[in-house]
């Protein structure tokens, strides 16, 4: 038998196999176990704080004890987040956050714009084919939907991927709730003229929402008086800041009663108070519970936009005690919401992103008092200047509408518009104090040596030919455009410029999918939706936003 090898018997071979399976791995090499794919979150949460400068997170950090504190300690924070376009306003910002696109792509250029076919302005959510439903009241009135959006939101893409997924959004503003949701959602709720509302675009009113609204009516706050949460010396600056223009029924200083005033209604004052934010926080918790968001084995989406900072900021400005207190109370509301999500969904089963739709300018009179150049430009003066400058085109008027940064010409003037015929109007507008520059949109694609490249890029990023005006005007730093003809008109302050105080907003991600820390990469809010989508493997193509992979530790494979 020398020189030959006997084959093992069947019994011996079976014994050897059994030994290997039992742990005798040395007999044969065993293929290494492959790492399991990352666990996908079951709930994507978008939190928008309307009119929140990026600096607020750290400037007022001494007031934090809840949600903002946790985001700063445990979140992935992108410190250099800027909107890349001119019209930094609510509807455009929420559309960017919801879709991952810029206005030139998603189509929403302002909160409202001029429609030449009807000769008037319409809100960004206007939809004559839709019916407005009011919970507990009469339905009807102006309809709302996301019909103006040209690209789908993250929520829409999620519903296309998994039809069972639920998309629930809420805000005080219709445009905020709708632009987070898109055209296809489970429940979209906002606070309208007659109470809490939704649209036929999203089906009938939801019993889950109705149950919460009935159990916890907002009118429970009717006798509330808004006092500061913390001692007065915890806040920076003065309570009676220069140039503040409080809501009708309030004084410039605390306290601020929500009812019982000689002027102003409870509904309006409640909306412009931190108690509306607290109510939305409770509504979000109820939605997670009653719609079982993130608890059914499929990914869901929750969008909450807190509006009080915007209302209060317009009246009192970014340095006011009122803005500081709204944020301090929102910090607690967010803290409660995060703790609730930890328990109801699971700390490692949801991801959350927080950002804002825009910042805000300092109250012009406060800037003036500090020695700076600032002021107000009435849009009536814009119309007058353009009409006068275009007198050679014939009898006017030549301006059909001046809608914030957009000047719309009449059809007759538009037909005669060329670079040469528009030159006098451009020169006249640039000569108005408080206007940094003006550009004829007819040659927007051409080179403009007299316009800074970054400013020209911002104008182009927000331009939609069939919706934008014929001329774009840009406010100078610390100046604001106001409606009407009065040089002292408007709210305390506003936003909607390409300046840092309007473009620079917070962007924070929280959850097991993200590595905490500060990131210095310059990004845009359009990157938010694609980054959340990457955690569940839903691709977002044909938009400007990109997944911020440097912070994502668990990125699911694309579906």
Protein backbone atom coordinates (compact mmCIF):
# COMPACT_ATOMS: atom_id res chain seq x y z
CA UNK A 1 0.00 0.00 0.00
CA UNK A 2 3.09 2.17 0.03
CA UNK A 3 2.77 5.29 -2.18
CA UNK A 4 -1.03 5.31 -2.15
CA UNK A 5 -3.56 7.19 0.04
CA UNK A 6 -6.68 5.50 1.23
CA UNK A 7 -9.88 7.48 0.94
CA UNK A 8 -11.56 7.89 4.30
CA UNK A 9 -14.62 5.84 4.91
CA UNK A 10 -18.01 7.50 4.70
CA UNK A 11 -18.30 7.19 8.46
CA UNK A 12 -14.95 8.92 9.02
CA UNK A 13 -15.77 11.65 6.51
CA UNK A 14 -19.03 12.36 8.28
CA UNK A 15 -17.18 12.53 11.58
CA UNK A 16 -14.69 15.04 10.20
CA UNK A 17 -17.49 17.25 8.84
CA UNK A 18 -19.25 17.12 12.18
CA UNK A 19 -16.07 18.11 14.00
CA UNK A 20 -15.58 21.07 11.72
CA UNK A 21 -19.12 22.26 12.25
CA UNK A 22 -18.78 21.77 15.99
CA UNK A 23 -15.72 23.99 16.22
CA UNK A 24 -12.84 22.12 14.56
CA UNK A 25 -12.28 25.07 12.23
CA UNK A 26 -8.57 24.24 11.87
CA UNK A 27 -9.41 21.34 9.58
CA UNK A 28 -10.66 23.66 6.76
CA UNK A 29 -10.49 27.40 6.28
CA UNK A 30 -13.83 29.01 7.13
CA UNK A 31 -15.05 32.11 5.22
CA UNK A 32 -15.11 35.17 7.46
CA UNK A 33 -18.55 36.40 8.48
CA UNK A 34 -19.65 39.38 6.42
CA UNK A 35 -20.56 42.54 8.33
CA UNK A 36 -24.26 43.07 8.56
CA UNK A 37 -25.65 46.10 6.70
CA UNK A 38 -26.29 49.17 8.87
CA UNK A 39 -29.55 49.20 10.68
CA UNK A 40 -31.84 51.70 9.03
CA UNK A 41 -33.69 54.22 11.20
CA UNK A 42 -37.42 53.76 11.31
CA UNK A 43 -38.25 57.46 11.64
CA UNK A 44 -36.82 60.53 9.90
CA UNK A 45 -37.51 63.77 11.78
CA UNK A 46 -37.16 67.26 10.32
CA UNK A 47 -37.30 70.16 12.78
CA UNK A 48 -37.35 73.68 11.37
CA UNK A 49 -37.03 76.74 13.59
CA UNK A 50 -38.44 79.58 11.51
CA UNK A 51 -36.12 82.63 11.39
CA UNK A 52 -33.18 81.21 13.34
CA UNK A 53 -29.72 82.61 12.80
CA UNK A 54 -26.89 80.09 13.13
CA UNK A 55 -25.32 82.19 15.88
CA UNK A 56 -28.33 81.72 18.17
CA UNK A 57 -27.19 78.19 19.07
CA UNK A 58 -24.03 79.44 20.78
CA UNK A 59 -24.87 83.09 21.46
CA UNK A 60 -27.72 82.17 23.79
CA UNK A 61 -26.30 78.83 24.97
CA UNK A 62 -26.37 79.86 28.63
CA UNK A 63 -30.18 79.55 28.44
CA UNK A 64 -30.16 75.94 27.23
CA UNK A 65 -30.95 72.94 29.40
CA UNK A 66 -32.97 70.73 27.01
CA UNK A 67 -33.06 70.09 23.27
CA UNK A 68 -30.58 72.70 22.06
CA UNK A 69 -28.15 71.61 24.77
CA UNK A 70 -28.42 67.98 23.67
CA UNK A 71 -27.97 68.90 20.01
CA UNK A 72 -24.81 70.84 20.83
CA UNK A 73 -23.41 68.00 22.92
CA UNK A 74 -24.49 64.99 20.84
CA UNK A 75 -25.18 66.31 17.36
CA UNK A 76 -23.22 66.53 14.13
CA UNK A 77 -23.08 70.31 13.66
CA UNK A 78 -22.31 71.95 10.33
CA UNK A 79 -21.11 75.39 11.36
CA UNK A 80 -20.84 76.77 7.81
CA UNK A 81 -24.37 76.30 6.43
CA UNK A 82 -25.54 79.02 4.07
CA UNK A 83 -28.47 79.42 1.71
CA UNK A 84 -26.99 79.99 -1.74
CA UNK A 85 -29.78 82.18 -3.08
CA UNK A 86 -31.17 85.70 -2.72
CA UNK A 87 -34.77 85.28 -1.55
CA UNK A 88 -34.25 83.89 1.93
CA UNK A 89 -37.92 83.63 2.90
CA UNK A 90 -40.13 81.02 4.54
CA UNK A 91 -41.71 79.22 1.59
CA UNK A 92 -38.51 79.01 -0.43
CA UNK A 93 -36.56 77.83 2.62
CA UNK A 94 -39.00 75.09 3.56
CA UNK A 95 -39.15 73.93 -0.06
CA UNK A 96 -35.35 73.71 -0.10
CA UNK A 97 -35.26 71.76 3.16
CA UNK A 98 -38.04 69.45 1.98
CA UNK A 99 -36.76 68.74 -1.54
CA UNK A 100 -32.99 69.13 -1.36
CA UNK A 101 -33.16 71.58 -4.27
CA UNK A 102 -32.63 75.30 -4.79
CA UNK A 103 -35.47 77.61 -5.92
CA UNK A 104 -34.28 77.59 -9.53
CA UNK A 105 -35.04 73.85 -9.46
CA UNK A 106 -37.95 73.41 -7.02
CA UNK A 107 -39.68 76.52 -8.39
CA UNK A 108 -40.73 78.27 -5.18
CA UNK A 109 -39.18 81.73 -5.39
CA UNK A 110 -41.02 83.70 -2.67
CA UNK A 111 -43.88 83.42 -0.18
CA UNK A 112 -46.03 84.82 -2.97
CA UNK A 113 -45.36 86.06 -6.47
CA UNK A 114 -47.09 87.94 -9.28
CA UNK A 115 -49.09 85.87 -11.80
CA UNK A 116 -49.34 87.70 -15.09
CA UNK A 117 -52.29 85.60 -16.27
CA UNK A 118 -54.49 86.89 -13.44
CA UNK A 119 -52.75 90.22 -12.82
CA UNK A 120 -52.31 89.62 -9.09
CA UNK A 121 -50.15 87.85 -6.52
CA UNK A 122 -50.91 84.38 -5.18
CA UNK A 123 -49.45 82.57 -2.16
CA UNK A 124 -46.85 79.89 -2.88
CA UNK A 125 -49.35 77.21 -1.78
CA UNK A 126 -52.40 78.54 -3.64
CA UNK A 127 -54.42 75.79 -5.35
CA UNK A 128 -57.94 76.64 -6.57
CA UNK A 129 -58.65 72.95 -7.13
CA UNK A 130 -58.15 72.13 -3.44
CA UNK A 131 -60.59 72.56 -0.54
CA UNK A 132 -59.49 73.75 2.88
CA UNK A 133 -60.84 71.68 5.76
CA UNK A 134 -61.04 73.23 9.21
CA UNK A 135 -61.05 70.90 12.21
CA UNK A 136 -64.16 71.53 14.25
CA UNK A 137 -65.38 74.33 11.98
CA UNK A 138 -66.70 75.27 8.56
CA UNK A 139 -64.60 74.26 5.60
CA UNK A 140 -63.95 76.17 2.39
CA UNK A 141 -62.02 79.26 1.42
CA UNK A 142 -58.71 79.46 -0.40
CA UNK A 143 -57.28 76.04 -1.19
CA UNK A 144 -53.68 75.03 -0.51
CA UNK A 145 -51.31 72.35 -1.79
CA UNK A 146 -47.76 71.82 -3.03
CA UNK A 147 -48.83 72.12 -6.67
CA UNK A 148 -46.13 74.74 -7.29
CA UNK A 149 -43.29 72.37 -6.37
CA UNK A 150 -41.40 71.14 -9.43
CA UNK A 151 -39.50 68.32 -7.72
CA UNK A 152 -40.61 65.79 -5.08
CA UNK A 153 -39.85 66.15 -1.40
CA UNK A 154 -38.06 63.54 0.66
CA UNK A 155 -41.47 62.54 2.05
CA UNK A 156 -42.84 61.98 -1.45
CA UNK A 157 -39.81 59.89 -2.43
CA UNK A 158 -40.25 57.86 0.75
CA UNK A 159 -43.90 57.14 -0.13
CA UNK A 160 -42.92 56.10 -3.65
CA UNK A 161 -40.34 53.72 -2.23
CA UNK A 162 -42.57 52.25 0.49
CA UNK A 163 -46.24 53.08 0.07
CA UNK A 164 -46.93 52.04 3.67
CA UNK A 165 -44.63 54.80 4.94
CA UNK A 166 -46.40 57.66 6.66
CA UNK A 167 -45.54 61.33 6.21
CA UNK A 168 -46.88 63.72 8.86
CA UNK A 169 -46.09 67.44 9.06
CA UNK A 170 -47.33 70.39 11.09
CA UNK A 171 -46.71 74.10 11.58
CA UNK A 172 -48.48 77.32 12.37
CA UNK A 173 -48.07 78.23 8.68
CA UNK A 174 -49.62 76.45 5.72
CA UNK A 175 -46.55 77.09 3.55
CA UNK A 176 -44.26 75.55 6.15
CA UNK A 177 -46.25 72.37 6.72
CA UNK A 178 -46.97 71.89 3.01
CA UNK A 179 -43.45 72.44 1.70
CA UNK A 180 -42.04 69.94 4.20
CA UNK A 181 -44.61 67.36 3.07
CA UNK A 182 -44.90 67.85 -0.69
CA UNK A 183 -47.75 66.57 -2.80
CA UNK A 184 -48.27 63.20 -1.11
CA UNK A 185 -48.59 62.89 2.65
CA UNK A 186 -50.58 61.18 5.37
CA UNK A 187 -51.47 64.26 7.41
CA UNK A 188 -50.56 67.93 6.94
CA UNK A 189 -51.81 70.41 9.54
CA UNK A 190 -51.49 74.16 10.01
CA UNK A 191 -53.13 77.02 11.92
CA UNK A 192 -55.35 79.04 9.60
CA UNK A 193 -57.80 81.90 9.90
CA UNK A 194 -60.55 79.67 11.33
CA UNK A 195 -58.43 77.33 13.42
CA UNK A 196 -56.43 74.20 12.64
CA UNK A 197 -56.68 73.22 8.99
CA UNK A 198 -55.65 70.77 6.29
CA UNK A 199 -56.32 70.36 2.57
CA UNK A 200 -58.25 68.00 0.34
CA UNK A 201 -54.92 67.51 -1.45
CA UNK A 202 -54.09 65.15 1.43
CA UNK A 203 -57.49 63.51 1.80
CA UNK A 204 -60.07 64.08 4.50
CA UNK A 205 -59.20 65.42 7.96
CA UNK A 206 -57.51 62.74 10.06
CA UNK A 207 -59.22 61.38 13.13
CA UNK A 208 -55.84 61.13 14.91
CA UNK A 209 -55.32 64.87 14.52
CA UNK A 210 -58.92 65.66 15.45
CA UNK A 211 -58.61 63.60 18.63
CA UNK A 212 -55.59 65.60 19.81
CA UNK A 213 -57.13 68.98 18.92
CA UNK A 214 -60.30 68.11 20.82
CA UNK A 215 -58.48 66.79 23.87
CA UNK A 216 -56.06 69.72 24.06
CA UNK A 217 -57.63 72.87 22.58
CA UNK A 218 -55.20 75.74 22.12
CA UNK A 219 -57.74 77.99 23.82
CA UNK A 220 -56.62 76.49 27.13
CA UNK A 221 -53.96 79.25 27.05
CA UNK A 222 -56.52 82.07 26.88
CA UNK A 223 -55.69 83.45 30.33
CA UNK A 224 -51.95 82.98 30.03
CA UNK A 225 -49.54 85.87 30.50
CA UNK A 226 -46.17 85.53 28.79
CA UNK A 227 -43.46 86.20 31.35
CA UNK A 228 -39.74 85.53 30.98
CA UNK A 229 -38.77 81.94 31.74
CA UNK A 230 -35.53 82.98 33.46
CA UNK A 231 -34.56 85.99 35.60
CA UNK A 232 -34.25 89.20 33.59
CA UNK A 233 -30.48 89.39 34.09
CA UNK A 234 -30.12 86.03 32.31
CA UNK A 235 -30.91 87.79 29.02
CA UNK A 236 -28.55 90.01 27.09
CA UNK A 237 -29.33 93.58 26.03
CA UNK A 238 -32.38 95.68 26.82
CA UNK A 239 -35.98 94.57 27.16
CA UNK A 240 -37.14 97.75 25.41
CA UNK A 241 -34.80 97.56 22.44
CA UNK A 242 -34.53 100.42 19.94
CA UNK A 243 -36.99 100.14 17.07
CA UNK A 244 -39.09 97.29 18.42
CA UNK A 245 -42.62 97.17 17.02
CA UNK A 246 -44.64 94.79 19.20
CA UNK A 247 -47.79 93.10 18.03
CA UNK A 248 -51.04 95.01 18.44
CA UNK A 249 -52.10 94.69 22.07
CA UNK A 250 -48.57 94.35 23.51
CA UNK A 251 -46.04 96.78 24.92
CA UNK A 252 -42.33 96.67 24.14
CA UNK A 253 -41.54 95.16 27.56
CA UNK A 254 -42.62 92.10 29.49
CA UNK A 255 -45.16 90.86 30.53
CA UNK A 256 -47.24 90.11 27.43
CA UNK A 257 -50.82 88.96 28.16
CA UNK A 258 -52.45 86.76 25.53
CA UNK A 259 -55.90 88.23 26.14
CA UNK A 260 -57.67 90.98 28.00
CA UNK A 261 -55.90 93.71 26.03
CA UNK A 262 -57.65 96.71 24.54
CA UNK A 263 -56.50 95.72 21.07
CA UNK A 264 -55.30 92.51 19.48
CA UNK A 265 -56.99 89.15 19.53
CA UNK A 266 -56.09 86.10 21.56
CA UNK A 267 -55.65 84.04 18.38
CA UNK A 268 -53.04 86.41 16.95
CA UNK A 269 -51.19 86.95 20.22
CA UNK A 270 -51.12 83.23 21.00
CA UNK A 271 -49.65 82.54 17.58
CA UNK A 272 -46.92 85.11 18.30
CA UNK A 273 -45.91 83.53 21.57
CA UNK A 274 -43.85 80.55 22.74
CA UNK A 275 -47.06 78.75 23.69
CA UNK A 276 -47.79 78.02 20.04
CA UNK A 277 -44.41 76.27 19.83
CA UNK A 278 -45.20 74.24 22.95
CA UNK A 279 -48.51 73.24 21.39
CA UNK A 280 -46.79 72.04 18.21
CA UNK A 281 -44.37 70.02 20.32
CA UNK A 282 -47.28 68.27 22.03
CA UNK A 283 -48.97 67.76 18.65
CA UNK A 284 -45.81 66.12 17.31
CA UNK A 285 -45.70 63.72 20.25
CA UNK A 286 -49.36 62.82 19.70
CA UNK A 287 -48.70 62.23 16.00
CA UNK A 288 -45.87 59.82 16.76
CA UNK A 289 -48.09 57.97 19.19
CA UNK A 290 -51.37 57.96 17.25
CA UNK A 291 -49.94 57.36 13.76
CA UNK A 292 -47.40 54.91 15.27
CA UNK A 293 -44.61 56.67 13.40
CA UNK A 294 -41.39 54.67 13.37
CA UNK A 295 -43.07 51.74 15.12
CA UNK A 296 -44.43 49.60 12.26
CA UNK A 297 -41.38 48.11 10.55
CA UNK A 298 -41.31 50.70 7.74
CA UNK A 299 -39.61 54.12 7.74
CA UNK A 300 -41.81 57.15 8.38
CA UNK A 301 -41.26 60.92 8.21
CA UNK A 302 -42.20 63.61 10.74
CA UNK A 303 -41.80 67.31 9.97
CA UNK A 304 -42.35 70.04 12.58
CA UNK A 305 -41.80 73.73 11.86
CA UNK A 306 -41.87 76.05 14.87
CA UNK A 307 -43.05 79.51 13.82
CA UNK A 308 -42.97 81.68 16.95
CA UNK A 309 -39.36 82.78 16.43
CA UNK A 310 -40.38 84.29 13.09
CA UNK A 311 -43.42 86.15 14.40
CA UNK A 312 -41.56 87.45 17.43
CA UNK A 313 -38.40 88.20 15.48
CA UNK A 314 -40.26 90.40 13.00
CA UNK A 315 -41.77 92.43 15.83
CA UNK A 316 -38.90 92.64 18.32
CA UNK A 317 -35.71 91.77 16.39
CA UNK A 318 -32.93 89.20 16.95
CA UNK A 319 -31.42 90.90 20.02
CA UNK A 320 -34.65 91.17 22.00
CA UNK A 321 -35.51 89.53 25.29
CA UNK A 322 -38.58 88.16 23.51
CA UNK A 323 -36.56 86.19 20.93
CA UNK A 324 -34.24 84.93 23.65
CA UNK A 325 -37.19 83.75 25.72
CA UNK A 326 -38.95 82.08 22.79
CA UNK A 327 -35.74 80.13 22.16
CA UNK A 328 -35.28 79.27 25.84
CA UNK A 329 -38.80 77.84 25.96
CA UNK A 330 -38.34 76.08 22.62
CA UNK A 331 -35.21 74.46 24.08
CA UNK A 332 -37.44 72.83 26.69
CA UNK A 333 -40.07 71.86 24.12
CA UNK A 334 -37.42 70.18 21.97
CA UNK A 335 -35.97 68.46 25.01
CA UNK A 336 -39.37 66.94 25.83
CA UNK A 337 -39.85 65.86 22.21
CA UNK A 338 -36.44 64.16 22.06
CA UNK A 339 -37.06 62.34 25.35
CA UNK A 340 -40.43 61.19 24.03
CA UNK A 341 -38.86 59.91 20.79
CA UNK A 342 -36.22 58.06 22.81
CA UNK A 343 -38.96 56.11 24.56
CA UNK A 344 -41.65 55.78 21.90
CA UNK A 345 -39.41 55.00 18.92
CA UNK A 346 -36.04 54.13 20.44
CA UNK A 347 -32.95 56.25 20.85
CA UNK A 348 -31.13 54.39 18.06
CA UNK A 349 -34.17 54.05 15.79
CA UNK A 350 -34.72 57.64 14.68
CA UNK A 351 -32.58 60.34 13.11
CA UNK A 352 -33.32 64.04 13.43
CA UNK A 353 -32.16 67.09 11.51
CA UNK A 354 -32.64 70.66 12.71
CA UNK A 355 -32.27 73.74 10.55
CA UNK A 356 -33.98 77.01 9.65
CA UNK A 357 -35.55 78.54 6.58
CA UNK A 358 -33.69 81.87 6.95
CA UNK A 359 -32.14 84.28 9.42
CA UNK A 360 -33.08 87.91 10.05
CA UNK A 361 -31.69 91.43 9.89
CA UNK A 362 -31.12 93.55 12.97
CA UNK A 363 -33.81 96.20 13.47
CA UNK A 364 -32.58 99.07 11.24
CA UNK A 365 -33.12 101.73 13.90
CA UNK A 366 -31.05 99.69 16.36
CA UNK A 367 -28.22 99.52 13.82
CA UNK A 368 -28.48 103.27 13.31
CA UNK A 369 -28.39 103.88 17.07
CA UNK A 370 -25.18 101.85 17.24
CA UNK A 371 -23.60 104.05 14.59
CA UNK A 372 -24.18 101.84 11.56
CA UNK A 373 -25.75 102.60 8.19
CA UNK A 374 -29.20 101.06 7.86
CA UNK A 375 -32.73 101.90 6.89
CA UNK A 376 -35.92 101.00 5.07
CA UNK A 377 -36.68 101.10 1.35
CA UNK A 378 -40.42 101.42 0.59
CA UNK A 379 -41.39 99.39 -2.47
CA UNK A 380 -43.62 102.28 -3.54
CA UNK A 381 -40.44 104.27 -4.17
CA UNK A 382 -39.15 101.42 -6.31
CA UNK A 383 -42.22 101.55 -8.53
CA UNK A 384 -42.04 105.31 -8.85
CA UNK A 385 -38.36 105.23 -9.80
CA UNK A 386 -38.86 102.60 -12.50
CA UNK A 387 -41.95 104.29 -13.96
CA UNK A 388 -40.13 107.61 -14.20
CA UNK A 389 -36.99 106.05 -15.70
CA UNK A 390 -38.97 104.24 -18.41
CA UNK A 391 -40.96 107.28 -19.52
CA UNK A 392 -39.51 107.02 -23.04
CA UNK A 393 -41.34 103.69 -23.49
CA UNK A 394 -44.65 105.56 -23.53
CA UNK A 395 -47.41 106.39 -21.11
CA UNK A 396 -47.14 104.43 -17.88
CA UNK A 397 -47.42 102.91 -15.51
CA UNK A 398 -44.70 100.46 -16.54
CA UNK A 399 -44.56 98.48 -13.30
CA UNK A 400 -47.29 95.90 -12.73
CA UNK A 401 -46.03 94.85 -9.29
CA UNK A 402 -43.05 95.24 -6.98
CA UNK A 403 -42.96 92.09 -4.87
CA UNK A 404 -40.04 92.30 -2.50
CA UNK A 405 -36.89 91.73 -4.62
CA UNK A 406 -38.84 91.23 -7.85
CA UNK A 407 -40.10 94.04 -10.07
CA UNK A 408 -42.68 92.90 -12.63
CA UNK A 409 -43.23 95.08 -15.70
CA UNK A 410 -46.52 95.45 -17.52
CA UNK A 411 -46.87 93.36 -20.65
CA UNK A 412 -46.42 96.46 -22.78
CA UNK A 413 -43.17 97.45 -21.09
CA UNK A 414 -41.97 93.86 -21.03
CA UNK A 415 -42.39 93.62 -24.81
CA UNK A 416 -40.04 96.59 -25.23
CA UNK A 417 -37.48 95.45 -22.68
CA UNK A 418 -33.88 95.16 -23.85
CA UNK A 419 -30.57 95.79 -22.12
CA UNK A 420 -30.59 99.28 -23.61
CA UNK A 421 -34.18 100.21 -22.74
CA UNK A 422 -33.81 98.84 -19.20
CA UNK A 423 -30.54 100.66 -18.51
CA UNK A 424 -32.24 103.85 -17.22
CA UNK A 425 -34.39 101.85 -14.80
CA UNK A 426 -31.38 99.88 -13.53
CA UNK A 427 -29.45 103.11 -12.99
CA UNK A 428 -32.38 104.74 -11.19
CA UNK A 429 -32.80 101.79 -8.86
CA UNK A 430 -29.11 101.65 -8.03
CA UNK A 431 -29.26 105.31 -7.08
CA UNK A 432 -31.89 104.71 -4.37
CA UNK A 433 -30.31 104.69 -0.88
CA UNK A 434 -30.49 101.18 0.54
CA UNK A 435 -30.42 99.32 -2.79
CA UNK A 436 -27.11 97.55 -3.31
CA UNK A 437 -27.73 96.70 -6.95
CA UNK A 438 -30.37 95.97 -9.56
CA UNK A 439 -30.21 93.56 -12.50
CA UNK A 440 -32.39 93.13 -15.57
CA UNK A 441 -33.33 89.46 -15.57
CA UNK A 442 -33.55 89.34 -19.35
CA UNK A 443 -29.77 88.97 -19.61
CA UNK A 444 -29.21 87.22 -16.28
CA UNK A 445 -27.17 84.48 -17.97
CA UNK A 446 -24.70 87.01 -19.36
CA UNK A 447 -21.58 88.22 -17.58
CA UNK A 448 -22.10 91.26 -15.34
CA UNK A 449 -18.83 92.99 -14.50
CA UNK A 450 -20.70 95.48 -12.32
CA UNK A 451 -22.20 92.77 -10.05
CA UNK A 452 -20.15 90.71 -7.59
CA UNK A 453 -19.88 87.07 -8.80
CA UNK A 454 -21.27 85.58 -5.57
CA UNK A 455 -24.23 87.96 -5.63
CA UNK A 456 -24.94 87.18 -9.26
CA UNK A 457 -24.81 83.46 -8.41
CA UNK A 458 -27.32 84.02 -5.58
CA UNK A 459 -29.72 85.80 -7.95
CA UNK A 460 -29.41 83.02 -10.52
CA UNK A 461 -29.94 80.29 -7.89
CA UNK A 462 -33.36 81.72 -7.07
CA UNK A 463 -34.52 82.68 -10.57
CA UNK A 464 -37.39 80.92 -12.33
CA UNK A 465 -38.10 82.61 -15.66
CA UNK A 466 -41.87 82.16 -15.71
CA UNK A 467 -42.29 83.20 -12.05
CA UNK A 468 -39.58 85.77 -11.33
CA UNK A 469 -39.85 89.45 -12.13
CA UNK A 470 -38.19 91.36 -14.95
CA UNK A 471 -35.82 93.20 -12.61
CA UNK A 472 -34.20 91.94 -9.42
CA UNK A 473 -33.29 94.43 -6.69
CA UNK A 474 -31.00 93.63 -3.78
CA UNK A 475 -31.07 95.45 -0.42
CA UNK A 476 -27.82 96.86 0.90
CA UNK A 477 -26.48 95.30 4.13
CA UNK A 478 -28.69 96.18 7.13
CA UNK A 479 -31.39 97.75 4.92
CA UNK A 480 -34.80 96.14 4.46
CA UNK A 481 -37.56 96.44 1.86
CA UNK A 482 -40.97 97.39 3.25
CA UNK A 483 -44.40 97.50 1.57
CA UNK A 484 -46.16 100.73 0.70
CA UNK A 485 -44.83 104.25 0.34
CA UNK A 486 -43.81 105.12 3.90
CA UNK A 487 -40.09 105.23 4.62
CA UNK A 488 -40.77 104.11 8.19
CA UNK A 489 -43.19 101.31 7.27
CA UNK A 490 -43.07 97.59 7.86
CA UNK A 491 -42.45 95.40 10.90
CA UNK A 492 -39.57 95.88 13.29
CA UNK A 493 -37.36 93.96 10.89
CA UNK A 494 -37.43 91.28 8.20
CA UNK A 495 -35.28 88.97 6.07
CA UNK A 496 -34.94 87.92 2.44
CA UNK A 497 -31.46 89.13 1.48
CA UNK A 498 -28.20 87.46 0.39
CA UNK A 499 -26.36 88.80 3.44
CA UNK A 500 -24.83 86.55 6.09
CA UNK A 501 -27.41 87.34 8.77
CA UNK A 502 -30.13 85.97 6.44
CA UNK A 503 -28.26 83.15 4.71
CA UNK A 504 -26.34 81.60 7.64
CA UNK A 505 -28.53 79.08 9.50
CA UNK A 506 -27.97 76.11 11.82
CA UNK A 507 -27.73 72.55 10.52
CA UNK A 508 -27.51 69.74 13.09
CA UNK A 509 -28.02 65.99 12.74
CA UNK A 510 -28.75 63.72 15.71
CA UNK A 511 -28.99 59.95 15.95
CA UNK A 512 -27.01 56.73 15.83
CA UNK A 513 -26.31 57.24 12.13
CA UNK A 514 -24.22 60.35 12.82
CA UNK A 515 -20.83 61.06 14.35
CA UNK A 516 -21.13 63.93 16.82
CA UNK A 517 -18.87 66.94 16.45
CA UNK A 518 -18.37 70.18 14.57
CA UNK A 519 -17.82 70.11 10.81
CA UNK A 520 -16.28 73.04 8.97
CA UNK A 521 -17.32 72.07 5.44
CA UNK A 522 -19.31 74.82 3.73
CA UNK A 523 -22.70 73.31 2.90
CA UNK A 524 -26.25 74.41 2.08
CA UNK A 525 -29.58 73.51 3.71
CA UNK A 526 -30.36 71.61 0.49
CA UNK A 527 -27.98 68.93 1.79
CA UNK A 528 -30.29 68.11 4.70
CA UNK A 529 -32.86 65.96 2.88
CA UNK A 530 -30.31 63.90 0.89
CA UNK A 531 -28.38 63.25 4.11
CA UNK A 532 -31.46 61.94 5.92
CA UNK A 533 -32.35 59.91 2.82
CA UNK A 534 -28.89 58.31 2.79
CA UNK A 535 -29.51 56.76 6.22
CA UNK A 536 -32.32 54.63 4.76
CA UNK A 537 -30.88 54.14 1.27
CA UNK A 538 -33.31 56.34 -0.68
CA UNK A 539 -31.44 58.20 -3.45
CA UNK A 540 -32.29 61.83 -4.18
CA UNK A 541 -31.31 62.60 -7.74
CA UNK A 542 -31.73 65.73 -9.89
CA UNK A 543 -31.32 68.14 -6.97
CA UNK A 544 -28.47 70.38 -5.86
CA UNK A 545 -28.23 68.88 -2.37
CA UNK A 546 -25.81 66.05 -1.61
CA UNK A 547 -25.49 63.60 1.31
CA UNK A 548 -23.03 64.87 3.92
CA UNK A 549 -21.19 61.58 4.22
CA UNK A 550 -18.42 62.87 6.48
CA UNK A 551 -20.85 62.80 9.42
CA UNK A 552 -22.77 59.65 8.44
CA UNK A 553 -21.48 56.57 10.23
CA UNK A 554 -24.34 54.33 9.11
CA UNK A 555 -25.31 54.83 5.49
CA UNK A 556 -27.72 52.28 4.06
CA UNK A 557 -27.13 50.93 0.54
CA UNK A 558 -29.11 52.72 -2.16
CA UNK A 559 -32.38 51.08 -3.06
